Amino acid sequence: MKFVMVMIICFGADCEALFNKEHTYDSYNVCYQEAIENANFMRQMFPSSAGEVHCWDEERFKLFEKSLQEGELPTLSDPEPEQSKETIDA
């Protein structure tokens, strides 16, 4: 099975998907290790951005690519973490 690395980076509300479908990985673990390195680099270069990196198999990647071709914009999986329902008044 082949894997494609997909990076989604957002500056404010504008998100872009970065990927090279010609460069695939033979295993999820190899892709994942490189994804960690890329995520760390992107965090250093663009500290005010938000983003995520995925290692998707070719089937999942094709679904993502089709959604982009149909006009969907890339978004983060969890753009705003849910706030805790328990609050403490100070």
PDB file of N, CA and C in Angstrom:
ATOM      1  N   MET A   1       0.847  -1.172   0.000  1.00  0.00           N
ATOM      2  CA  MET A   1       0.000   0.000   0.000  1.00  0.00           C
ATOM      3  C   MET A   1       0.893   1.236   0.000  1.00  0.00           C
ATOM      4  N   LYS A   2       0.500   2.225  -0.764  1.00  0.00           N
ATOM      5  CA  LYS A   2       1.232   3.485  -0.871  1.00  0.00           C
ATOM      6  C   LYS A   2       0.496   4.559  -0.080  1.00  0.00           C
ATOM      7  N   PHE A   3       1.277   5.541   0.413  1.00  0.00           N
ATOM      8  CA  PHE A   3       0.718   6.641   1.196  1.00  0.00           C
ATOM      9  C   PHE A   3       1.177   7.970   0.620  1.00  0.00           C
ATOM     10  N   VAL A   4       0.300   8.965   0.714  1.00  0.00           N
ATOM     11  CA  VAL A   4       0.589  10.318   0.253  1.00  0.00           C
ATOM     12  C   VAL A   4       0.525  11.239   1.468  1.00  0.00           C
ATOM     13  N   MET A   5       1.547  12.092   1.614  1.00  0.00           N
ATOM     14  CA  MET A   5       1.534  13.069   2.700  1.00  0.00           C
ATOM     15  C   MET A   5       0.778  14.310   2.234  1.00  0.00           C
ATOM     16  N   VAL A   6      -0.162  14.755   3.057  1.00  0.00           N
ATOM     17  CA  VAL A   6      -0.943  15.961   2.773  1.00  0.00           C
ATOM     18  C   VAL A   6      -0.785  16.906   3.954  1.00  0.00           C
ATOM     19  N   MET A   7      -0.313  18.125   3.667  1.00  0.00           N
ATOM     20  CA  MET A   7      -0.204  19.154   4.696  1.00  0.00           C
ATOM     21  C   MET A   7      -1.293  20.179   4.435  1.00  0.00           C
ATOM     22  N   ILE A   8      -2.006  20.526   5.482  1.00  0.00           N
ATOM     23  CA  ILE A   8      -2.994  21.604   5.401  1.00  0.00           C
ATOM     24  C   ILE A   8      -2.487  22.705   6.309  1.00  0.00           C
ATOM     25  N   ILE A   9      -2.279  23.888   5.735  1.00  0.00           N
ATOM     26  CA  ILE A   9      -1.781  25.021   6.506  1.00  0.00           C
ATOM     27  C   ILE A   9      -2.753  26.177   6.352  1.00  0.00           C
ATOM     28  N   CYS A  10      -3.041  26.830   7.471  1.00  0.00           N
ATOM     29  CA  CYS A  10      -4.008  27.921   7.482  1.00  0.00           C
ATOM     30  C   CYS A  10      -3.379  29.174   8.067  1.00  0.00           C
ATOM     31  N   PHE A  11      -3.606  30.262   7.399  1.00  0.00           N
ATOM     32  CA  PHE A  11      -3.252  31.590   7.894  1.00  0.00           C
ATOM     33  C   PHE A  11      -4.574  32.309   8.085  1.00  0.00           C
ATOM     34  N   GLY A  12      -4.998  32.420   9.322  1.00  0.00           N
ATOM     35  CA  GLY A  12      -6.331  32.944   9.584  1.00  0.00           C
ATOM     36  C   GLY A  12      -7.360  31.957   9.069  1.00  0.00           C
ATOM     37  N   ALA A  13      -8.294  32.434   8.262  1.00  0.00           N
ATOM     38  CA  ALA A  13      -9.350  31.563   7.731  1.00  0.00           C
ATOM     39  C   ALA A  13      -8.982  30.952   6.383  1.00  0.00           C
ATOM     40  N   ASP A  14      -7.843  31.351   5.814  1.00  0.00           N
ATOM     41  CA  ASP A  14      -7.427  30.854   4.505  1.00  0.00           C
ATOM     42  C   ASP A  14      -6.538  29.632   4.654  1.00  0.00           C
ATOM     43  N   CYS A  15      -7.012  28.497   4.150  1.00  0.00           N
ATOM     44  CA  CYS A  15      -6.265  27.242   4.249  1.00  0.00           C
ATOM     45  C   CYS A  15      -5.858  26.756   2.860  1.00  0.00           C
ATOM     46  N   GLU A  16      -4.703  26.139   2.803  1.00  0.00           N
ATOM     47  CA  GLU A  16      -4.190  25.550   1.571  1.00  0.00           C
ATOM     48  C   GLU A  16      -3.767  24.115   1.851  1.00  0.00           C
ATOM     49  N   ALA A  17      -3.920  23.274   0.866  1.00  0.00           N
ATOM     50  CA  ALA A  17      -3.451  21.889   0.959  1.00  0.00           C
ATOM     51  C   ALA A  17      -2.186  21.764   0.117  1.00  0.00           C
ATOM     52  N   LEU A  18      -1.160  21.185   0.709  1.00  0.00           N
ATOM     53  CA  LEU A  18       0.104  20.961   0.015  1.00  0.00           C
ATOM     54  C   LEU A  18       0.355  19.467  -0.052  1.00  0.00           C
ATOM     55  N   PHE A  19       0.631  18.983  -1.254  1.00  0.00           N
ATOM     56  CA  PHE A  19       0.917  17.554  -1.418  1.00  0.00           C
ATOM     57  C   PHE A  19       1.606  17.345  -2.758  1.00  0.00           C
ATOM     58  N   ASN A  20       2.277  16.229  -2.865  1.00  0.00           N
ATOM     59  CA  ASN A  20       2.893  15.804  -4.117  1.00  0.00           C
ATOM     60  C   ASN A  20       2.471  14.366  -4.340  1.00  0.00           C
ATOM     61  N   LYS A  21       1.447  14.170  -5.146  1.00  0.00           N
ATOM     62  CA  LYS A  21       0.905  12.821  -5.340  1.00  0.00           C
ATOM     63  C   LYS A  21       1.862  11.922  -6.109  1.00  0.00           C
ATOM     64  N   GLU A  22       2.895  12.502  -6.693  1.00  0.00           N
ATOM     65  CA  GLU A  22       3.898  11.690  -7.387  1.00  0.00           C
ATOM     66  C   GLU A  22       4.908  11.099  -6.401  1.00  0.00           C
ATOM     67  N   HIS A  23       5.002  11.699  -5.229  1.00  0.00           N
ATOM     68  CA  HIS A  23       5.931  11.210  -4.205  1.00  0.00           C
ATOM     69  C   HIS A  23       5.132  10.434  -3.164  1.00  0.00           C
ATOM     70  N   THR A  24       5.192   9.126  -3.237  1.00  0.00           N
ATOM     71  CA  THR A  24       4.443   8.294  -2.303  1.00  0.00           C
ATOM     72  C   THR A  24       5.410   7.574  -1.370  1.00  0.00           C
ATOM     73  N   TYR A  25       4.863   7.072  -0.284  1.00  0.00           N
ATOM     74  CA  TYR A  25       5.629   6.335   0.725  1.00  0.00           C
ATOM     75  C   TYR A  25       5.159   4.887   0.725  1.00  0.00           C
ATOM     76  N   ASP A  26       6.103   3.985   0.917  1.00  0.00           N
ATOM     77  CA  ASP A  26       5.778   2.554   0.902  1.00  0.00           C
ATOM     78  C   ASP A  26       5.132   2.072   2.187  1.00  0.00           C
ATOM     79  N   SER A  27       5.264   2.873   3.253  1.00  0.00           N
ATOM     80  CA  SER A  27       4.637   2.474   4.516  1.00  0.00           C
ATOM     81  C   SER A  27       4.135   3.714   5.244  1.00  0.00           C
ATOM     82  N   TYR A  28       3.132   3.487   6.076  1.00  0.00           N
ATOM     83  CA  TYR A  28       2.590   4.574   6.890  1.00  0.00           C
ATOM     84  C   TYR A  28       3.664   5.116   7.827  1.00  0.00           C
ATOM     85  N   ASN A  29       4.456   4.232   8.417  1.00  0.00           N
ATOM     86  CA  ASN A  29       5.467   4.656   9.392  1.00  0.00           C
ATOM     87  C   ASN A  29       6.508   5.585   8.782  1.00  0.00           C
ATOM     88  N   VAL A  30       6.944   5.293   7.564  1.00  0.00           N
ATOM     89  CA  VAL A  30       7.924   6.164   6.901  1.00  0.00           C
ATOM     90  C   VAL A  30       7.294   7.527   6.640  1.00  0.00           C
ATOM     91  N   CYS A  31       6.071   7.529   6.138  1.00  0.00           N
ATOM     92  CA  CYS A  31       5.360   8.782   5.894  1.00  0.00           C
ATOM     93  C   CYS A  31       5.197   9.562   7.200  1.00  0.00           C
ATOM     94  N   TYR A  32       4.797   8.869   8.243  1.00  0.00           N
ATOM     95  CA  TYR A  32       4.547   9.511   9.532  1.00  0.00           C
ATOM     96  C   TYR A  32       5.815  10.166  10.091  1.00  0.00           C
ATOM     97  N   GLN A  33       6.944   9.483   9.986  1.00  0.00           N
ATOM     98  CA  GLN A  33       8.197  10.046  10.495  1.00  0.00           C
ATOM     99  C   GLN A  33       8.557  11.331   9.750  1.00  0.00           C
ATOM    100  N   GLU A  34       8.383  11.318   8.438  1.00  0.00           N
ATOM    101  CA  GLU A  34       8.671  12.528   7.665  1.00  0.00           C
ATOM    102  C   GLU A  34       7.633  13.617   7.954  1.00  0.00           C
ATOM    103  N   ALA A  35       6.394  13.218   8.208  1.00  0.00           N
ATOM    104  CA  ALA A  35       5.345  14.186   8.544  1.00  0.00           C
ATOM    105  C   ALA A  35       5.684  14.930   9.832  1.00  0.00           C
ATOM    106  N   ILE A  36       6.225  14.222  10.810  1.00  0.00           N
ATOM    107  CA  ILE A  36       6.619  14.866  12.065  1.00  0.00           C
ATOM    108  C   ILE A  36       7.688  15.913  11.803  1.00  0.00           C
ATOM    109  N   GLU A  37       8.685  15.562  11.005  1.00  0.00           N
ATOM    110  CA  GLU A  37       9.756  16.510  10.676  1.00  0.00           C
ATOM    111  C   GLU A  37       9.188  17.731   9.941  1.00  0.00           C
ATOM    112  N   ASN A  38       8.312  17.496   8.982  1.00  0.00           N
ATOM    113  CA  ASN A  38       7.706  18.609   8.235  1.00  0.00           C
ATOM    114  C   ASN A  38       6.856  19.492   9.131  1.00  0.00           C
ATOM    115  N   ALA A  39       6.094  18.890  10.021  1.00  0.00           N
ATOM    116  CA  ALA A  39       5.245  19.669  10.926  1.00  0.00           C
ATOM    117  C   ALA A  39       6.100  20.554  11.830  1.00  0.00           C
ATOM    118  N   ASN A  40       7.190  20.008  12.347  1.00  0.00           N
ATOM    119  CA  ASN A  40       8.086  20.801  13.199  1.00  0.00           C
ATOM    120  C   ASN A  40       8.696  21.960  12.422  1.00  0.00           C
ATOM    121  N   PHE A  41       9.121  21.709  11.183  1.00  0.00           N
ATOM    122  CA  PHE A  41       9.685  22.754  10.340  1.00  0.00           C
ATOM    123  C   PHE A  41       8.647  23.842  10.071  1.00  0.00           C
ATOM    124  N   MET A  42       7.439  23.441   9.715  1.00  0.00           N
ATOM    125  CA  MET A  42       6.392  24.417   9.406  1.00  0.00           C
ATOM    126  C   MET A  42       6.042  25.258  10.640  1.00  0.00           C
ATOM    127  N   ARG A  43       6.032  24.632  11.810  1.00  0.00           N
ATOM    128  CA  ARG A  43       5.754  25.353  13.053  1.00  0.00           C
ATOM    129  C   ARG A  43       6.804  26.436  13.295  1.00  0.00           C
ATOM    130  N   GLN A  44       8.071  26.119  13.008  1.00  0.00           N
ATOM    131  CA  GLN A  44       9.149  27.088  13.198  1.00  0.00           C
ATOM    132  C   GLN A  44       9.084  28.209  12.165  1.00  0.00           C
ATOM    133  N   MET A  45       8.792  27.864  10.915  1.00  0.00           N
ATOM    134  CA  MET A  45       8.776  28.855   9.837  1.00  0.00           C
ATOM    135  C   MET A  45       7.534  29.747   9.872  1.00  0.00           C
ATOM    136  N   PHE A  46       6.413  29.196  10.308  1.00  0.00           N
ATOM    137  CA  PHE A  46       5.146  29.926  10.294  1.00  0.00           C
ATOM    138  C   PHE A  46       4.458  29.799  11.656  1.00  0.00           C
ATOM    139  N   PRO A  47       5.030  30.420  12.696  1.00  0.00           N
ATOM    140  CA  PRO A  47       4.494  30.229  14.051  1.00  0.00           C
ATOM    141  C   PRO A  47       3.069  30.748  14.251  1.00  0.00           C
ATOM    142  N   SER A  48       2.621  31.667  13.422  1.00  0.00           N
ATOM    143  CA  SER A  48       1.267  32.198  13.603  1.00  0.00           C
ATOM    144  C   SER A  48       0.241  31.447  12.747  1.00  0.00           C
ATOM    145  N   SER A  49       0.652  30.355  12.157  1.00  0.00           N
ATOM    146  CA  SER A  49      -0.271  29.576  11.338  1.00  0.00           C
ATOM    147  C   SER A  49      -0.813  28.397  12.136  1.00  0.00           C
ATOM    148  N   ALA A  50      -1.803  27.759  11.578  1.00  0.00           N
ATOM    149  CA  ALA A  50      -2.334  26.511  12.132  1.00  0.00           C
ATOM    150  C   ALA A  50      -2.239  25.479  11.024  1.00  0.00           C
ATOM    151  N   GLY A  51      -2.132  24.227  11.382  1.00  0.00           N
ATOM    152  CA  GLY A  51      -2.057  23.231  10.332  1.00  0.00           C
ATOM    153  C   GLY A  51      -2.067  21.820  10.866  1.00  0.00           C
ATOM    154  N   GLU A  52      -2.062  20.897   9.924  1.00  0.00           N
ATOM    155  CA  GLU A  52      -1.987  19.489  10.264  1.00  0.00           C
ATOM    156  C   GLU A  52      -1.398  18.741   9.074  1.00  0.00           C
ATOM    157  N   VAL A  53      -0.844  17.584   9.368  1.00  0.00           N
ATOM    158  CA  VAL A  53      -0.239  16.754   8.341  1.00  0.00           C
ATOM    159  C   VAL A  53      -0.885  15.380   8.402  1.00  0.00           C
ATOM    160  N   HIS A  54      -1.240  14.852   7.241  1.00  0.00           N
ATOM    161  CA  HIS A  54      -1.868  13.538   7.145  1.00  0.00           C
ATOM    162  C   HIS A  54      -1.031  12.631   6.268  1.00  0.00           C
ATOM    163  N   CYS A  55      -1.054  11.359   6.553  1.00  0.00           N
ATOM    164  CA  CYS A  55      -0.509  10.322   5.682  1.00  0.00           C
ATOM    165  C   CYS A  55      -1.692   9.448   5.290  1.00  0.00           C
ATOM    166  N   TRP A  56      -2.196   9.677   4.079  1.00  0.00           N
ATOM    167  CA  TRP A  56      -3.384   8.977   3.629  1.00  0.00           C
ATOM    168  C   TRP A  56      -3.023   7.918   2.599  1.00  0.00           C
ATOM    169  N   ASP A  57      -3.730   6.796   2.656  1.00  0.00           N
ATOM    170  CA  ASP A  57      -3.534   5.797   1.613  1.00  0.00           C
ATOM    171  C   ASP A  57      -4.115   6.372   0.317  1.00  0.00           C
ATOM    172  N   GLU A  58      -3.796   5.734  -0.786  1.00  0.00           N
ATOM    173  CA  GLU A  58      -4.171   6.286  -2.090  1.00  0.00           C
ATOM    174  C   GLU A  58      -5.679   6.442  -2.253  1.00  0.00           C
ATOM    175  N   GLU A  59      -6.446   5.531  -1.682  1.00  0.00           N
ATOM    176  CA  GLU A  59      -7.909   5.623  -1.783  1.00  0.00           C
ATOM    177  C   GLU A  59      -8.431   6.856  -1.056  1.00  0.00           C
ATOM    178  N   ARG A  60      -7.957   7.071   0.168  1.00  0.00           N
ATOM    179  CA  ARG A  60      -8.386   8.245   0.946  1.00  0.00           C
ATOM    180  C   ARG A  60      -7.922   9.529   0.273  1.00  0.00           C
ATOM    181  N   PHE A  61      -6.692   9.510  -0.267  1.00  0.00           N
ATOM    182  CA  PHE A  61      -6.176  10.690  -0.951  1.00  0.00           C
ATOM    183  C   PHE A  61      -7.023  11.028  -2.178  1.00  0.00           C
ATOM    184  N   LYS A  62      -7.429  10.020  -2.941  1.00  0.00           N
ATOM    185  CA  LYS A  62      -8.253  10.266  -4.134  1.00  0.00           C
ATOM    186  C   LYS A  62      -9.580  10.923  -3.762  1.00  0.00           C
ATOM    187  N   LEU A  63     -10.166  10.518  -2.631  1.00  0.00           N
ATOM    188  CA  LEU A  63     -11.408  11.157  -2.166  1.00  0.00           C
ATOM    189  C   LEU A  63     -11.162  12.627  -1.834  1.00  0.00           C
ATOM    190  N   PHE A  64     -10.036  12.889  -1.168  1.00  0.00           N
ATOM    191  CA  PHE A  64      -9.677  14.267  -0.813  1.00  0.00           C
ATOM    192  C   PHE A  64      -9.448  15.092  -2.081  1.00  0.00           C
ATOM    193  N   GLU A  65      -8.690  14.546  -3.010  1.00  0.00           N
ATOM    194  CA  GLU A  65      -8.394  15.252  -4.255  1.00  0.00           C
ATOM    195  C   GLU A  65      -9.687  15.543  -5.032  1.00  0.00           C
ATOM    196  N   LYS A  66     -10.597  14.589  -5.056  1.00  0.00           N
ATOM    197  CA  LYS A  66     -11.884  14.787  -5.741  1.00  0.00           C
ATOM    198  C   LYS A  66     -12.670  15.924  -5.092  1.00  0.00           C
ATOM    199  N   SER A  67     -12.659  15.982  -3.760  1.00  0.00           N
ATOM    200  CA  SER A  67     -13.382  17.054  -3.067  1.00  0.00           C
ATOM    201  C   SER A  67     -12.794  18.418  -3.430  1.00  0.00           C
ATOM    202  N   LEU A  68     -11.466  18.492  -3.577  1.00  0.00           N
ATOM    203  CA  LEU A  68     -10.841  19.756  -3.992  1.00  0.00           C
ATOM    204  C   LEU A  68     -11.263  20.118  -5.411  1.00  0.00           C
ATOM    205  N   GLN A  69     -11.296  19.136  -6.292  1.00  0.00           N
ATOM    206  CA  GLN A  69     -11.697  19.381  -7.677  1.00  0.00           C
ATOM    207  C   GLN A  69     -13.146  19.823  -7.772  1.00  0.00           C
ATOM    208  N   GLU A  70     -13.964  19.395  -6.822  1.00  0.00           N
ATOM    209  CA  GLU A  70     -15.378  19.788  -6.801  1.00  0.00           C
ATOM    210  C   GLU A  70     -15.597  21.137  -6.115  1.00  0.00           C
ATOM    211  N   GLY A  71     -14.504  21.781  -5.717  1.00  0.00           N
ATOM    212  CA  GLY A  71     -14.605  23.127  -5.160  1.00  0.00           C
ATOM    213  C   GLY A  71     -14.557  23.229  -3.648  1.00  0.00           C
ATOM    214  N   GLU A  72     -14.460  22.104  -2.962  1.00  0.00           N
ATOM    215  CA  GLU A  72     -14.340  22.175  -1.503  1.00  0.00           C
ATOM    216  C   GLU A  72     -12.983  22.767  -1.132  1.00  0.00           C
ATOM    217  N   LEU A  73     -12.969  23.527  -0.075  1.00  0.00           N
ATOM    218  CA  LEU A  73     -11.719  24.102   0.414  1.00  0.00           C
ATOM    219  C   LEU A  73     -11.170  23.227   1.533  1.00  0.00           C
ATOM    220  N   PRO A  74      -9.858  23.105   1.610  1.00  0.00           N
ATOM    221  CA  PRO A  74      -9.292  22.310   2.704  1.00  0.00           C
ATOM    222  C   PRO A  74      -9.552  22.988   4.043  1.00  0.00           C
ATOM    223  N   THR A  75      -9.835  22.198   5.039  1.00  0.00           N
ATOM    224  CA  THR A  75     -10.057  22.710   6.388  1.00  0.00           C
ATOM    225  C   THR A  75      -9.338  21.806   7.374  1.00  0.00           C
ATOM    226  N   LEU A  76      -9.133  22.315   8.556  1.00  0.00           N
ATOM    227  CA  LEU A  76      -8.527  21.510   9.608  1.00  0.00           C
ATOM    228  C   LEU A  76      -9.567  20.559  10.181  1.00  0.00           C
ATOM    229  N   SER A  77      -9.110  19.415  10.641  1.00  0.00           N
ATOM    230  CA  SER A  77     -10.012  18.422  11.219  1.00  0.00           C
ATOM    231  C   SER A  77     -10.720  18.950  12.448  1.00  0.00           C
ATOM    232  N   ASP A  78      -9.993  19.669  13.279  1.00  0.00           N
ATOM    233  CA  ASP A  78     -10.530  20.203  14.527  1.00  0.00           C
ATOM    234  C   ASP A  78      -9.985  21.618  14.695  1.00  0.00           C
ATOM    235  N   PRO A  79     -10.558  22.584  13.950  1.00  0.00           N
ATOM    236  CA  PRO A  79      -9.981  23.929  13.947  1.00  0.00           C
ATOM    237  C   PRO A  79      -9.994  24.633  15.301  1.00  0.00           C
ATOM    238  N   GLU A  80     -11.008  24.374  16.115  1.00  0.00           N
ATOM    239  CA  GLU A  80     -11.066  25.009  17.423  1.00  0.00           C
ATOM    240  C   GLU A  80     -11.363  23.943  18.455  1.00  0.00           C
ATOM    241  N   PRO A  81     -10.400  23.684  19.325  1.00  0.00           N
ATOM    242  CA  PRO A  81     -10.644  22.659  20.347  1.00  0.00           C
ATOM    243  C   PRO A  81     -11.853  23.021  21.194  1.00  0.00           C
ATOM    244  N   GLU A  82     -12.642  22.008  21.503  1.00  0.00           N
ATOM    245  CA  GLU A  82     -13.829  22.226  22.321  1.00  0.00           C
ATOM    246  C   GLU A  82     -13.401  22.647  23.722  1.00  0.00           C
ATOM    247  N   GLN A  83     -14.037  23.687  24.225  1.00  0.00           N
ATOM    248  CA  GLN A  83     -13.710  24.146  25.561  1.00  0.00           C
ATOM    249  C   GLN A  83     -14.322  23.200  26.578  1.00  0.00           C
ATOM    250  N   SER A  84     -13.646  23.079  27.681  1.00  0.00           N
ATOM    251  CA  SER A  84     -14.105  22.211  28.741  1.00  0.00           C
ATOM    252  C   SER A  84     -15.468  22.676  29.239  1.00  0.00           C
ATOM    253  N   LYS A  85     -16.366  21.757  29.463  1.00  0.00           N
ATOM    254  CA  LYS A  85     -17.691  22.097  29.959  1.00  0.00           C
ATOM    255  C   LYS A  85     -17.650  22.422  31.459  1.00  0.00           C
ATOM    256  N   GLU A  86     -16.596  21.993  32.096  1.00  0.00           N
ATOM    257  CA  GLU A  86     -16.428  22.322  33.520  1.00  0.00           C
ATOM    258  C   GLU A  86     -15.597  23.592  33.619  1.00  0.00           C
ATOM    259  N   THR A  87     -16.115  24.581  34.313  1.00  0.00           N
ATOM    260  CA  THR A  87     -15.372  25.810  34.497  1.00  0.00           C
ATOM    261  C   THR A  87     -15.212  26.065  35.980  1.00  0.00           C
ATOM    262  N   ILE A  88     -14.171  26.804  36.296  1.00  0.00           N
ATOM    263  CA  ILE A  88     -13.907  27.162  37.696  1.00  0.00           C
ATOM    264  C   ILE A  88     -13.963  28.682  37.784  1.00  0.00           C
ATOM    265  N   ASP A  89     -14.825  29.195  38.649  1.00  0.00           N
ATOM    266  CA  ASP A  89     -14.886  30.629  38.860  1.00  0.00           C
ATOM    267  C   ASP A  89     -13.809  31.013  39.855  1.00  0.00           C
ATOM    268  N   ALA A  90     -13.079  32.044  39.504  1.00  0.00           N
ATOM    269  CA  ALA A  90     -12.021  32.498  40.410  1.00  0.00           C
ATOM    270  C   ALA A  90     -12.473  33.685  41.199  1.00  0.00           C
TER     271      ALA A  90
END
